[in-house]
Amino acid sequence: MKKAYIFFCGVVAALTLSAQQAGSELTPVLGVSAFGGAARGLEENAGAIGGVEGFGLLPLGQRFGLQGGFRHQGGNGGYRLGLSAGPVYGYDAGKLGLFADYEYTHQGSNNFVYLRGVWAHYFDQFDFVLSYSHPVNSVQHDRVTNVFFTAGCAATRHDESVPAINELKGVMRFYPTQNLELDAGVLVNSFAGPDRNETKTGIGGVFGASYRVLDWMILRLVQGQMDNRERYRITSGVELAWTPKPAQQQKEQKRLIAEGRDQAFTLASAGTIGAGC
């Protein structure tokens, strides 16, 4: 794991330093989105989900800024509340970010905390996005009731630990036209941490398609990910995004389709395998 981390940092540093440093500035971004779909997490039945997300980027200089987001999700597994915040460094060909993600789950009243690193490198007609999320919270527990039917009816209550899983994800974002984005990638989850033997390592894919109807309105036609442990999340929705960037800067304006995906946070929690496409 340590060697993989060192290799990841080396690749990011090499590509970052090799990019031309012409003084590109971070641009403020604000947005909100609504989504709905289906999900299945650890030992859960599949079910419907829906909710809202918000995101924002506040530049503190030409290259450094603060980025944050929130999420409220209801449906399968009860409701969840999430917050995310962290610093961002922007270079001419992409962004680097390190975030703290928090999620409260109503079912079990549990609290999950993750550290997440994100690297987005921009090319002309496609982007490459690499992210890793790792849980750092203490072990959470659910209060479970078992009912036994013998001569009568008896019930026992006990605490069961609720595992959290890590996630490594690499995604390519393609732009066939000025207003269309197609996503494809791979993910590996639950391969590190104290709960990996309980949750089992999962390997799967990431996919998505988005279309910009207006400069400030994006249809998330489909965003999904799944692994070979039958954990998955598939949603559709609409996103409203604002930036003061001039519309005539078409190369940058095209990337506004993806801006929200850089800002929105992904939580690889016990309930789902995360949102983040």
Foldseek 3Di string as FASTA:
>chain_A
DVVVVVVVVVVLVVVQVPDDAPQAADFKKWKKKKKKDWWFFFPFDIKIKIWMKIKIWADPDRFKTKIKMWIWMAMGQGIKIKIKIWMKGDGPFWIKIWMWMWMAGPQQRDIWIKIKIWTWGHDQFKIKIKMKIDTDDDWGWGWDKDWDDDVHIDIDIDIDTQDFKMKIWMKMWGHPDLFKIKIKIKMWMLPDDPCSVVRPIWIWMWIWMKGAPDLFKIWGQWTKIATPVGTMIIMTIMMGMDTPDDVVVSSVSSCVNCVVLVRDDWGCGRGGHTRHD
